[in-house]
Amino acid sequence: MDTTFAPDPAWRLALRPLITARGWTSVTHHLLGLPLGIAYFVWLVTGLSVGAGLAITLLGIPILTLVLANVRPLLMAERGLANALLGAQLPPVAIAPGGDGFLGRLKAYWTDVTTWRGVLYLLLRFPVGTFTFTVVVATFSTALWCLAAPLLAPLGAMDLGFWEPDSVLDGLAFVPFGVVALFTAGWISEAMAVMSRELARWGAR
């Protein structure tokens, strides 16, 4: 019995970002980048700033240690997202660095390479997440706007400045552009997924 598998047809490969679950989970990851990036940035910048400002007192060191102790749990959540939504296949990592005794474990947070790399990764999630969120919203909304033009034009919801489509026929002129825009948006999302996956493999490991 022949057990060979026929390769996917060219049309299916071309539409892969739009017709596979992985394509849409990648879009989800891009959209989550902004809120998560903001949360990480606010938490780290606020905590590190307050801790550094109070470092001359006895309060600064515990605050900084608390911030650093949160990095690995946040990285664990990031690994889960990257594995589920981007297929990053990142292996699990201990939730805390090793150390002998209580003081040894506290000291480990300050000398742990994974923790400091994680700080940089989590801070990068803000600009990268802002970029991916903005691009996905702009590209997919443009495509959907063009595809919905036959419905929007008769409602007077389209005004290009130099032309105001007001009929179904006018709206149909936008549909080919919408198809091309949707195809392009899918592959832009695919390219950003590769970027985000490699970033996670570097910073969240």
N, C-alpha and C. Protein backbone atom coordinates (compact mmCIF):
# COMPACT_ATOMS: atom_id res chain seq x y z
N MET A 1 0.85 -1.19 0.00
CA MET A 1 0.00 0.00 0.00
C MET A 1 0.88 1.24 0.00
N ASP A 2 0.54 2.18 -0.83
CA ASP A 2 1.31 3.40 -0.94
C ASP A 2 0.95 4.32 0.23
N THR A 3 1.96 4.63 1.09
CA THR A 3 1.72 5.47 2.27
C THR A 3 2.28 6.87 2.11
N THR A 4 2.70 7.22 0.90
CA THR A 4 3.23 8.56 0.68
C THR A 4 2.10 9.59 0.74
N PHE A 5 2.44 10.78 1.14
CA PHE A 5 1.45 11.85 1.25
C PHE A 5 1.68 12.86 0.14
N ALA A 6 0.59 13.23 -0.51
CA ALA A 6 0.70 14.24 -1.57
C ALA A 6 0.93 15.60 -0.93
N PRO A 7 1.79 16.41 -1.53
CA PRO A 7 2.03 17.75 -0.97
C PRO A 7 0.77 18.60 -1.07
N ASP A 8 0.66 19.56 -0.16
CA ASP A 8 -0.48 20.47 -0.20
C ASP A 8 -0.47 21.25 -1.50
N PRO A 9 -1.65 21.49 -2.09
CA PRO A 9 -1.70 22.28 -3.32
C PRO A 9 -1.20 23.70 -3.06
N ALA A 10 -0.78 24.35 -4.14
CA ALA A 10 -0.19 25.69 -4.02
C ALA A 10 -1.17 26.68 -3.41
N TRP A 11 -2.46 26.58 -3.75
CA TRP A 11 -3.43 27.54 -3.23
C TRP A 11 -3.57 27.42 -1.72
N ARG A 12 -3.46 26.17 -1.22
CA ARG A 12 -3.57 25.98 0.23
C ARG A 12 -2.35 26.54 0.95
N LEU A 13 -1.18 26.36 0.37
CA LEU A 13 0.03 26.93 0.96
C LEU A 13 -0.03 28.45 0.96
N ALA A 14 -0.56 29.02 -0.13
CA ALA A 14 -0.64 30.48 -0.22
C ALA A 14 -1.61 31.05 0.81
N LEU A 15 -2.67 30.31 1.11
CA LEU A 15 -3.68 30.79 2.05
C LEU A 15 -3.46 30.28 3.48
N ARG A 16 -2.34 29.64 3.72
CA ARG A 16 -2.10 29.02 5.02
C ARG A 16 -2.33 29.94 6.22
N PRO A 17 -1.87 31.20 6.20
CA PRO A 17 -2.10 32.06 7.38
C PRO A 17 -3.57 32.35 7.65
N LEU A 18 -4.42 32.18 6.62
CA LEU A 18 -5.84 32.52 6.77
C LEU A 18 -6.74 31.32 7.00
N ILE A 19 -6.27 30.11 6.71
CA ILE A 19 -7.15 28.95 6.78
C ILE A 19 -6.68 27.90 7.79
N THR A 20 -5.63 28.21 8.54
CA THR A 20 -5.16 27.28 9.56
C THR A 20 -5.33 27.89 10.95
N ALA A 21 -5.47 27.02 11.94
CA ALA A 21 -5.60 27.50 13.32
C ALA A 21 -4.37 28.26 13.76
N ARG A 22 -3.19 27.81 13.32
CA ARG A 22 -1.95 28.48 13.72
C ARG A 22 -1.91 29.91 13.22
N GLY A 23 -2.44 30.16 12.04
CA GLY A 23 -2.46 31.52 11.53
C GLY A 23 -3.26 32.46 12.43
N TRP A 24 -4.39 31.98 12.94
CA TRP A 24 -5.25 32.84 13.77
C TRP A 24 -4.79 32.89 15.22
N THR A 25 -4.13 31.82 15.71
CA THR A 25 -3.55 31.92 17.04
C THR A 25 -2.38 32.91 17.04
N SER A 26 -1.68 33.00 15.91
CA SER A 26 -0.61 33.99 15.80
C SER A 26 -1.19 35.41 15.87
N VAL A 27 -2.32 35.62 15.20
CA VAL A 27 -2.98 36.93 15.26
C VAL A 27 -3.36 37.24 16.72
N THR A 28 -3.84 36.24 17.43
CA THR A 28 -4.18 36.43 18.85
C THR A 28 -2.96 36.86 19.65
N HIS A 29 -1.83 36.23 19.38
CA HIS A 29 -0.58 36.59 20.09
C HIS A 29 -0.20 38.03 19.78
N HIS A 30 -0.33 38.43 18.53
CA HIS A 30 -0.01 39.81 18.16
C HIS A 30 -0.91 40.81 18.90
N LEU A 31 -2.19 40.48 19.01
CA LEU A 31 -3.12 41.39 19.67
C LEU A 31 -2.87 41.46 21.18
N LEU A 32 -2.43 40.36 21.77
CA LEU A 32 -2.14 40.35 23.20
C LEU A 32 -0.85 41.10 23.52
N GLY A 33 -0.03 41.34 22.50
CA GLY A 33 1.26 41.98 22.73
C GLY A 33 1.15 43.34 23.36
N LEU A 34 0.16 44.14 22.97
CA LEU A 34 0.04 45.49 23.51
C LEU A 34 -0.35 45.50 24.98
N PRO A 35 -1.46 44.87 25.38
CA PRO A 35 -1.81 44.91 26.82
C PRO A 35 -0.77 44.25 27.70
N LEU A 36 -0.22 43.11 27.26
CA LEU A 36 0.80 42.45 28.06
C LEU A 36 2.08 43.29 28.13
N GLY A 37 2.47 43.86 26.99
CA GLY A 37 3.66 44.69 26.97
C GLY A 37 3.55 45.89 27.89
N ILE A 38 2.37 46.52 27.90
CA ILE A 38 2.16 47.65 28.80
C ILE A 38 2.25 47.20 30.26
N ALA A 39 1.62 46.06 30.58
CA ALA A 39 1.63 45.57 31.95
C ALA A 39 3.05 45.25 32.41
N TYR A 40 3.82 44.55 31.57
CA TYR A 40 5.20 44.23 31.94
C TYR A 40 6.03 45.49 32.12
N PHE A 41 5.87 46.43 31.19
CA PHE A 41 6.68 47.65 31.22
C PHE A 41 6.38 48.46 32.48
N VAL A 42 5.10 48.64 32.79
CA VAL A 42 4.73 49.42 33.97
C VAL A 42 5.24 48.76 35.24
N TRP A 43 5.05 47.44 35.34
CA TRP A 43 5.48 46.73 36.54
C TRP A 43 7.00 46.80 36.72
N LEU A 44 7.75 46.51 35.69
CA LEU A 44 9.21 46.49 35.81
C LEU A 44 9.79 47.88 36.01
N VAL A 45 9.35 48.84 35.21
CA VAL A 45 9.91 50.19 35.32
C VAL A 45 9.56 50.80 36.68
N THR A 46 8.31 50.61 37.11
CA THR A 46 7.91 51.16 38.41
C THR A 46 8.68 50.48 39.54
N GLY A 47 8.70 49.16 39.52
CA GLY A 47 9.38 48.42 40.59
C GLY A 47 10.87 48.69 40.64
N LEU A 48 11.53 48.66 39.49
CA LEU A 48 12.97 48.89 39.46
C LEU A 48 13.30 50.34 39.82
N SER A 49 12.48 51.27 39.38
CA SER A 49 12.73 52.68 39.70
C SER A 49 12.57 52.95 41.19
N VAL A 50 11.48 52.44 41.76
CA VAL A 50 11.26 52.64 43.19
C VAL A 50 12.35 51.94 44.00
N GLY A 51 12.67 50.72 43.62
CA GLY A 51 13.71 49.99 44.34
C GLY A 51 15.07 50.66 44.25
N ALA A 52 15.41 51.12 43.05
CA ALA A 52 16.70 51.80 42.89
C ALA A 52 16.72 53.11 43.66
N GLY A 53 15.58 53.82 43.68
CA GLY A 53 15.53 55.08 44.41
C GLY A 53 15.67 54.90 45.90
N LEU A 54 15.21 53.74 46.41
CA LEU A 54 15.30 53.47 47.84
C LEU A 54 16.48 52.57 48.20
N ALA A 55 17.38 52.34 47.21
CA ALA A 55 18.50 51.43 47.45
C ALA A 55 19.41 51.91 48.56
N ILE A 56 19.43 53.22 48.80
CA ILE A 56 20.29 53.76 49.87
C ILE A 56 19.74 53.40 51.25
N THR A 57 18.46 53.03 51.28
CA THR A 57 17.84 52.60 52.53
C THR A 57 17.72 51.09 52.53
N LEU A 58 17.18 50.53 53.60
CA LEU A 58 17.00 49.09 53.68
C LEU A 58 15.80 48.60 52.89
N LEU A 59 14.94 49.53 52.42
CA LEU A 59 13.73 49.13 51.70
C LEU A 59 14.00 48.80 50.24
N GLY A 60 15.02 49.41 49.64
CA GLY A 60 15.25 49.26 48.21
C GLY A 60 15.60 47.85 47.80
N ILE A 61 16.46 47.18 48.56
CA ILE A 61 16.91 45.83 48.19
C ILE A 61 15.76 44.83 48.18
N PRO A 62 14.90 44.79 49.22
CA PRO A 62 13.75 43.86 49.15
C PRO A 62 12.82 44.14 47.97
N ILE A 63 12.61 45.42 47.65
CA ILE A 63 11.72 45.76 46.53
C ILE A 63 12.33 45.26 45.22
N LEU A 64 13.62 45.51 45.01
CA LEU A 64 14.28 45.05 43.80
C LEU A 64 14.28 43.53 43.72
N THR A 65 14.50 42.88 44.85
CA THR A 65 14.50 41.41 44.86
C THR A 65 13.11 40.87 44.53
N LEU A 66 12.06 41.54 45.05
CA LEU A 66 10.70 41.13 44.73
C LEU A 66 10.41 41.25 43.24
N VAL A 67 10.86 42.34 42.63
CA VAL A 67 10.67 42.52 41.18
C VAL A 67 11.39 41.41 40.42
N LEU A 68 12.63 41.14 40.79
CA LEU A 68 13.39 40.10 40.10
C LEU A 68 12.77 38.72 40.32
N ALA A 69 12.20 38.50 41.51
CA ALA A 69 11.58 37.20 41.79
C ALA A 69 10.34 36.97 40.94
N ASN A 70 9.73 38.03 40.43
CA ASN A 70 8.54 37.89 39.58
C ASN A 70 8.87 37.60 38.13
N VAL A 71 10.14 37.76 37.75
CA VAL A 71 10.49 37.63 36.34
C VAL A 71 10.29 36.20 35.84
N ARG A 72 10.81 35.23 36.57
CA ARG A 72 10.68 33.84 36.09
C ARG A 72 9.22 33.38 35.99
N PRO A 73 8.35 33.69 36.96
CA PRO A 73 6.94 33.33 36.77
C PRO A 73 6.31 34.00 35.55
N LEU A 74 6.69 35.25 35.29
CA LEU A 74 6.17 35.92 34.09
C LEU A 74 6.71 35.25 32.83
N LEU A 75 7.97 34.84 32.87
CA LEU A 75 8.54 34.13 31.72
C LEU A 75 7.83 32.79 31.51
N MET A 76 7.44 32.14 32.60
CA MET A 76 6.72 30.87 32.47
C MET A 76 5.39 31.10 31.74
N ALA A 77 4.70 32.20 32.07
CA ALA A 77 3.46 32.52 31.37
C ALA A 77 3.73 32.85 29.90
N GLU A 78 4.82 33.56 29.64
CA GLU A 78 5.18 33.90 28.26
C GLU A 78 5.52 32.64 27.46
N ARG A 79 6.21 31.70 28.09
CA ARG A 79 6.51 30.44 27.39
C ARG A 79 5.22 29.70 27.05
N GLY A 80 4.27 29.69 27.98
CA GLY A 80 3.00 29.04 27.70
C GLY A 80 2.27 29.67 26.53
N LEU A 81 2.26 31.01 26.47
CA LEU A 81 1.63 31.69 25.35
C LEU A 81 2.35 31.41 24.04
N ALA A 82 3.68 31.49 24.07
CA ALA A 82 4.46 31.27 22.85
C ALA A 82 4.30 29.84 22.34
N ASN A 83 4.23 28.88 23.25
CA ASN A 83 4.04 27.49 22.83
C ASN A 83 2.64 27.26 22.27
N ALA A 84 1.62 27.81 22.95
CA ALA A 84 0.24 27.56 22.53
C ALA A 84 -0.15 28.34 21.29
N LEU A 85 0.32 29.58 21.16
CA LEU A 85 -0.13 30.45 20.08
C LEU A 85 0.84 30.53 18.91
N LEU A 86 2.14 30.32 19.17
CA LEU A 86 3.14 30.45 18.11
C LEU A 86 3.84 29.14 17.77
N GLY A 87 3.60 28.09 18.56
CA GLY A 87 4.28 26.83 18.32
C GLY A 87 5.77 26.92 18.57
N ALA A 88 6.18 27.66 19.60
CA ALA A 88 7.60 27.88 19.86
C ALA A 88 8.31 26.65 20.41
N GLN A 89 7.58 25.74 21.06
CA GLN A 89 8.14 24.51 21.63
C GLN A 89 9.27 24.80 22.61
N LEU A 90 9.01 25.72 23.53
CA LEU A 90 9.99 26.05 24.55
C LEU A 90 9.87 25.07 25.71
N PRO A 91 10.98 24.52 26.20
CA PRO A 91 10.90 23.59 27.33
C PRO A 91 10.63 24.32 28.63
N PRO A 92 10.09 23.63 29.63
CA PRO A 92 9.85 24.27 30.92
C PRO A 92 11.17 24.61 31.62
N VAL A 93 11.12 25.67 32.42
CA VAL A 93 12.27 26.11 33.20
C VAL A 93 11.81 26.30 34.63
N ALA A 94 12.70 26.08 35.59
CA ALA A 94 12.35 26.22 37.00
C ALA A 94 11.79 27.61 37.28
N ILE A 95 10.82 27.67 38.17
CA ILE A 95 10.16 28.94 38.47
C ILE A 95 11.04 29.87 39.29
N ALA A 96 12.12 29.34 39.87
CA ALA A 96 13.04 30.16 40.66
C ALA A 96 14.45 29.61 40.48
N PRO A 97 15.47 30.46 40.50
CA PRO A 97 16.85 29.98 40.41
C PRO A 97 17.25 29.22 41.66
N GLY A 98 18.18 28.30 41.52
CA GLY A 98 18.62 27.51 42.66
C GLY A 98 19.54 28.29 43.57
N GLY A 99 19.60 27.88 44.83
CA GLY A 99 20.46 28.51 45.81
C GLY A 99 20.41 27.75 47.11
N ASP A 100 21.48 27.82 47.90
CA ASP A 100 21.55 27.10 49.18
C ASP A 100 20.99 27.97 50.30
N GLY A 101 19.90 27.53 50.88
CA GLY A 101 19.32 28.27 51.98
C GLY A 101 18.54 29.49 51.51
N PHE A 102 17.91 30.15 52.45
CA PHE A 102 17.07 31.30 52.15
C PHE A 102 17.88 32.44 51.53
N LEU A 103 18.99 32.78 52.17
CA LEU A 103 19.82 33.88 51.66
C LEU A 103 20.44 33.51 50.31
N GLY A 104 20.77 32.24 50.14
CA GLY A 104 21.33 31.81 48.86
C GLY A 104 20.34 31.93 47.73
N ARG A 105 19.07 31.65 48.00
CA ARG A 105 18.04 31.78 46.97
C ARG A 105 17.79 33.24 46.63
N LEU A 106 17.82 34.10 47.67
CA LEU A 106 17.65 35.53 47.40
C LEU A 106 18.81 36.07 46.56
N LYS A 107 20.02 35.66 46.89
CA LYS A 107 21.19 36.10 46.12
C LYS A 107 21.12 35.62 44.68
N ALA A 108 20.54 34.42 44.48
CA ALA A 108 20.48 33.84 43.14
C ALA A 108 19.69 34.71 42.18
N TYR A 109 18.68 35.42 42.67
CA TYR A 109 17.90 36.29 41.79
C TYR A 109 18.77 37.39 41.18
N TRP A 110 19.79 37.82 41.91
CA TRP A 110 20.65 38.91 41.45
C TRP A 110 21.73 38.43 40.49
N THR A 111 22.03 37.16 40.52
CA THR A 111 23.11 36.63 39.68
C THR A 111 22.61 35.70 38.58
N ASP A 112 21.30 35.50 38.50
CA ASP A 112 20.73 34.55 37.55
C ASP A 112 20.65 35.15 36.14
N VAL A 113 21.32 34.50 35.20
CA VAL A 113 21.34 34.99 33.82
C VAL A 113 19.94 34.97 33.21
N THR A 114 19.18 33.92 33.48
CA THR A 114 17.82 33.82 32.93
C THR A 114 16.95 34.98 33.40
N THR A 115 17.10 35.37 34.65
CA THR A 115 16.29 36.46 35.20
C THR A 115 16.61 37.78 34.50
N TRP A 116 17.89 38.10 34.35
CA TRP A 116 18.26 39.37 33.73
C TRP A 116 17.94 39.39 32.24
N ARG A 117 18.11 38.25 31.57
CA ARG A 117 17.69 38.18 30.17
C ARG A 117 16.18 38.33 30.08
N GLY A 118 15.45 37.76 31.06
CA GLY A 118 14.00 37.88 31.10
C GLY A 118 13.55 39.30 31.31
N VAL A 119 14.27 40.07 32.13
CA VAL A 119 13.94 41.49 32.31
C VAL A 119 13.99 42.22 30.98
N LEU A 120 15.07 41.99 30.23
CA LEU A 120 15.21 42.64 28.93
C LEU A 120 14.11 42.19 27.97
N TYR A 121 13.81 40.89 27.97
CA TYR A 121 12.77 40.36 27.09
C TYR A 121 11.40 40.97 27.42
N LEU A 122 11.06 41.02 28.71
CA LEU A 122 9.76 41.55 29.10
C LEU A 122 9.65 43.04 28.78
N LEU A 123 10.74 43.78 28.89
CA LEU A 123 10.72 45.19 28.50
C LEU A 123 10.55 45.34 26.99
N LEU A 124 11.18 44.44 26.23
CA LEU A 124 11.05 44.49 24.77
C LEU A 124 9.64 44.14 24.31
N ARG A 125 8.89 43.42 25.14
CA ARG A 125 7.53 43.06 24.76
C ARG A 125 6.65 44.29 24.54
N PHE A 126 7.01 45.41 25.19
CA PHE A 126 6.20 46.63 25.02
C PHE A 126 6.34 47.20 23.61
N PRO A 127 7.56 47.54 23.13
CA PRO A 127 7.64 48.08 21.77
C PRO A 127 7.27 47.05 20.70
N VAL A 128 7.68 45.80 20.90
CA VAL A 128 7.36 44.77 19.91
C VAL A 128 5.86 44.50 19.90
N GLY A 129 5.25 44.41 21.08
CA GLY A 129 3.81 44.18 21.15
C GLY A 129 3.01 45.33 20.59
N THR A 130 3.47 46.56 20.82
CA THR A 130 2.79 47.73 20.25
C THR A 130 2.84 47.67 18.73
N PHE A 131 4.00 47.27 18.20
CA PHE A 131 4.16 47.18 16.74
C PHE A 131 3.25 46.11 16.15
N THR A 132 3.28 44.90 16.72
CA THR A 132 2.47 43.81 16.16
C THR A 132 0.97 44.11 16.28
N PHE A 133 0.56 44.67 17.41
CA PHE A 133 -0.85 45.02 17.59
C PHE A 133 -1.29 46.03 16.54
N THR A 134 -0.49 47.09 16.36
CA THR A 134 -0.85 48.16 15.43
C THR A 134 -0.92 47.64 14.00
N VAL A 135 0.06 46.84 13.62
CA VAL A 135 0.11 46.33 12.24
C VAL A 135 -1.07 45.40 11.97
N VAL A 136 -1.36 44.49 12.91
CA VAL A 136 -2.48 43.56 12.71
C VAL A 136 -3.80 44.30 12.61
N VAL A 137 -4.03 45.25 13.51
CA VAL A 137 -5.30 46.00 13.47
C VAL A 137 -5.42 46.79 12.18
N ALA A 138 -4.33 47.44 11.76
CA ALA A 138 -4.37 48.26 10.55
C ALA A 138 -4.59 47.42 9.30
N THR A 139 -3.86 46.31 9.17
CA THR A 139 -3.93 45.52 7.93
C THR A 139 -5.25 44.77 7.82
N PHE A 140 -5.69 44.11 8.89
CA PHE A 140 -6.93 43.34 8.82
C PHE A 140 -8.15 44.25 8.76
N SER A 141 -8.13 45.38 9.45
CA SER A 141 -9.28 46.28 9.39
C SER A 141 -9.42 46.89 8.00
N THR A 142 -8.28 47.19 7.35
CA THR A 142 -8.33 47.71 5.98
C THR A 142 -8.94 46.68 5.05
N ALA A 143 -8.50 45.41 5.20
CA ALA A 143 -9.02 44.35 4.34
C ALA A 143 -10.52 44.16 4.56
N LEU A 144 -10.95 44.12 5.81
CA LEU A 144 -12.37 43.91 6.11
C LEU A 144 -13.21 45.10 5.65
N TRP A 145 -12.67 46.30 5.76
CA TRP A 145 -13.39 47.49 5.30
C TRP A 145 -13.65 47.41 3.80
N CYS A 146 -12.65 46.98 3.04
CA CYS A 146 -12.82 46.86 1.59
C CYS A 146 -13.80 45.74 1.25
N LEU A 147 -13.71 44.62 1.96
CA LEU A 147 -14.61 43.50 1.67
C LEU A 147 -16.05 43.83 2.03
N ALA A 148 -16.24 44.68 3.03
CA ALA A 148 -17.59 45.06 3.45
C ALA A 148 -18.12 46.26 2.69
N ALA A 149 -17.35 46.78 1.75
CA ALA A 149 -17.74 47.99 1.02
C ALA A 149 -19.10 47.88 0.34
N PRO A 150 -19.49 46.75 -0.27
CA PRO A 150 -20.83 46.68 -0.89
C PRO A 150 -21.96 46.91 0.11
N LEU A 151 -21.72 46.60 1.39
CA LEU A 151 -22.74 46.85 2.41
C LEU A 151 -22.63 48.25 2.99
N LEU A 152 -21.40 48.76 3.08
CA LEU A 152 -21.19 50.06 3.70
C LEU A 152 -21.54 51.22 2.78
N ALA A 153 -21.26 51.05 1.49
CA ALA A 153 -21.46 52.16 0.54
C ALA A 153 -22.90 52.65 0.51
N PRO A 154 -23.91 51.78 0.40
CA PRO A 154 -25.30 52.30 0.37
C PRO A 154 -25.71 53.00 1.67
N LEU A 155 -24.98 52.73 2.75
CA LEU A 155 -25.31 53.35 4.04
C LEU A 155 -24.63 54.71 4.21
N GLY A 156 -23.87 55.11 3.21
CA GLY A 156 -23.17 56.39 3.30
C GLY A 156 -22.01 56.38 4.28
N ALA A 157 -21.46 55.19 4.52
CA ALA A 157 -20.39 55.07 5.51
C ALA A 157 -19.00 55.13 4.90
N MET A 158 -18.90 55.45 3.62
CA MET A 158 -17.61 55.50 2.95
C MET A 158 -17.41 56.88 2.32
N ASP A 159 -16.37 57.54 2.70
CA ASP A 159 -16.06 58.86 2.14
C ASP A 159 -14.55 58.95 1.98
N LEU A 160 -14.09 58.92 0.73
CA LEU A 160 -12.66 58.97 0.44
C LEU A 160 -12.15 60.38 0.21
N GLY A 161 -12.98 61.34 0.41
CA GLY A 161 -12.58 62.72 0.17
C GLY A 161 -12.82 63.14 -1.26
N PHE A 162 -12.20 62.44 -2.19
CA PHE A 162 -12.37 62.74 -3.61
C PHE A 162 -13.52 61.95 -4.23
N TRP A 163 -14.06 60.96 -3.48
CA TRP A 163 -15.15 60.14 -3.99
C TRP A 163 -15.91 59.55 -2.81
N GLU A 164 -17.24 59.57 -2.91
CA GLU A 164 -18.07 59.01 -1.86
C GLU A 164 -18.95 57.91 -2.46
N PRO A 165 -18.49 56.66 -2.42
CA PRO A 165 -19.29 55.56 -2.97
C PRO A 165 -20.63 55.48 -2.24
N ASP A 166 -21.70 55.31 -3.01
CA ASP A 166 -23.02 55.31 -2.39
C ASP A 166 -23.94 54.21 -2.91
N SER A 167 -23.36 53.19 -3.55
CA SER A 167 -24.19 52.10 -4.07
C SER A 167 -23.44 50.78 -3.93
N VAL A 168 -24.18 49.69 -4.05
CA VAL A 168 -23.57 48.36 -3.99
C VAL A 168 -22.55 48.20 -5.10
N LEU A 169 -22.87 48.68 -6.29
CA LEU A 169 -21.96 48.58 -7.42
C LEU A 169 -20.65 49.31 -7.14
N ASP A 170 -20.78 50.51 -6.56
CA ASP A 170 -19.57 51.24 -6.19
C ASP A 170 -18.75 50.45 -5.17
N GLY A 171 -19.44 49.86 -4.22
CA GLY A 171 -18.74 49.10 -3.19
C GLY A 171 -18.04 47.88 -3.73
N LEU A 172 -18.61 47.26 -4.75
CA LEU A 172 -17.99 46.06 -5.33
C LEU A 172 -16.61 46.35 -5.91
N ALA A 173 -16.37 47.60 -6.28
CA ALA A 173 -15.05 47.95 -6.82
C ALA A 173 -13.95 47.78 -5.79
N PHE A 174 -14.31 47.78 -4.51
CA PHE A 174 -13.30 47.65 -3.45
C PHE A 174 -13.01 46.20 -3.09
N VAL A 175 -13.87 45.28 -3.48
CA VAL A 175 -13.73 43.88 -3.07
C VAL A 175 -12.41 43.27 -3.52
N PRO A 176 -11.98 43.44 -4.79
CA PRO A 176 -10.68 42.87 -5.18
C PRO A 176 -9.53 43.40 -4.32
N PHE A 177 -9.58 44.68 -3.98
CA PHE A 177 -8.55 45.24 -3.11
C PHE A 177 -8.61 44.60 -1.72
N GLY A 178 -9.83 44.31 -1.26
CA GLY A 178 -9.99 43.67 0.03
C GLY A 178 -9.41 42.27 0.05
N VAL A 179 -9.59 41.52 -1.04
CA VAL A 179 -9.04 40.16 -1.13
C VAL A 179 -7.52 40.21 -1.08
N VAL A 180 -6.94 41.11 -1.86
CA VAL A 180 -5.48 41.25 -1.86
C VAL A 180 -4.98 41.71 -0.49
N ALA A 181 -5.70 42.65 0.12
CA ALA A 181 -5.30 43.16 1.43
C ALA A 181 -5.38 42.08 2.50
N LEU A 182 -6.40 41.22 2.42
CA LEU A 182 -6.54 40.14 3.40
C LEU A 182 -5.41 39.13 3.24
N PHE A 183 -5.10 38.78 2.00
CA PHE A 183 -3.99 37.87 1.71
C PHE A 183 -2.68 38.45 2.25
N THR A 184 -2.46 39.73 2.00
CA THR A 184 -1.24 40.39 2.45
C THR A 184 -1.19 40.46 3.97
N ALA A 185 -2.32 40.77 4.60
CA ALA A 185 -2.37 40.85 6.06
C ALA A 185 -2.00 39.51 6.69
N GLY A 186 -2.47 38.42 6.09
CA GLY A 186 -2.16 37.10 6.61
C GLY A 186 -0.67 36.81 6.60
N TRP A 187 -0.02 37.16 5.51
CA TRP A 187 1.41 36.86 5.42
C TRP A 187 2.25 37.84 6.23
N ILE A 188 1.77 39.06 6.41
CA ILE A 188 2.46 39.98 7.33
C ILE A 188 2.38 39.42 8.75
N SER A 189 1.20 38.91 9.11
CA SER A 189 1.05 38.29 10.43
C SER A 189 1.97 37.09 10.57
N GLU A 190 2.10 36.30 9.52
CA GLU A 190 2.99 35.13 9.54
C GLU A 190 4.43 35.55 9.77
N ALA A 191 4.86 36.61 9.09
CA ALA A 191 6.24 37.09 9.26
C ALA A 191 6.46 37.60 10.69
N MET A 192 5.49 38.30 11.25
CA MET A 192 5.63 38.79 12.61
C MET A 192 5.62 37.63 13.61
N ALA A 193 4.90 36.56 13.29
CA ALA A 193 4.89 35.39 14.17
C ALA A 193 6.27 34.76 14.24
N VAL A 194 6.96 34.71 13.10
CA VAL A 194 8.34 34.19 13.09
C VAL A 194 9.23 35.05 13.99
N MET A 195 9.09 36.38 13.86
CA MET A 195 9.87 37.31 14.68
C MET A 195 9.57 37.11 16.16
N SER A 196 8.30 37.04 16.52
CA SER A 196 7.91 36.88 17.92
C SER A 196 8.34 35.53 18.46
N ARG A 197 8.26 34.50 17.64
CA ARG A 197 8.67 33.17 18.07
C ARG A 197 10.17 33.12 18.39
N GLU A 198 10.98 33.72 17.52
CA GLU A 198 12.42 33.73 17.75
C GLU A 198 12.77 34.60 18.95
N LEU A 199 12.05 35.70 19.14
CA LEU A 199 12.27 36.53 20.31
C LEU A 199 11.97 35.76 21.59
N ALA A 200 10.87 35.01 21.59
CA ALA A 200 10.52 34.21 22.76
C ALA A 200 11.54 33.11 23.00
N ARG A 201 12.04 32.48 21.95
CA ARG A 201 13.04 31.43 22.11
C ARG A 201 14.34 31.98 22.68
N TRP A 202 14.61 33.25 22.42
CA TRP A 202 15.80 33.87 23.01
C TRP A 202 15.56 34.32 24.44
N GLY A 203 14.46 35.04 24.68
CA GLY A 203 14.29 35.70 25.96
C GLY A 203 13.50 34.94 27.00
N ALA A 204 12.61 34.04 26.58
CA ALA A 204 11.75 33.35 27.54
C ALA A 204 12.22 31.94 27.86
N ARG A 205 13.41 31.60 27.44
CA ARG A 205 13.91 30.23 27.69
C ARG A 205 14.57 30.12 29.06
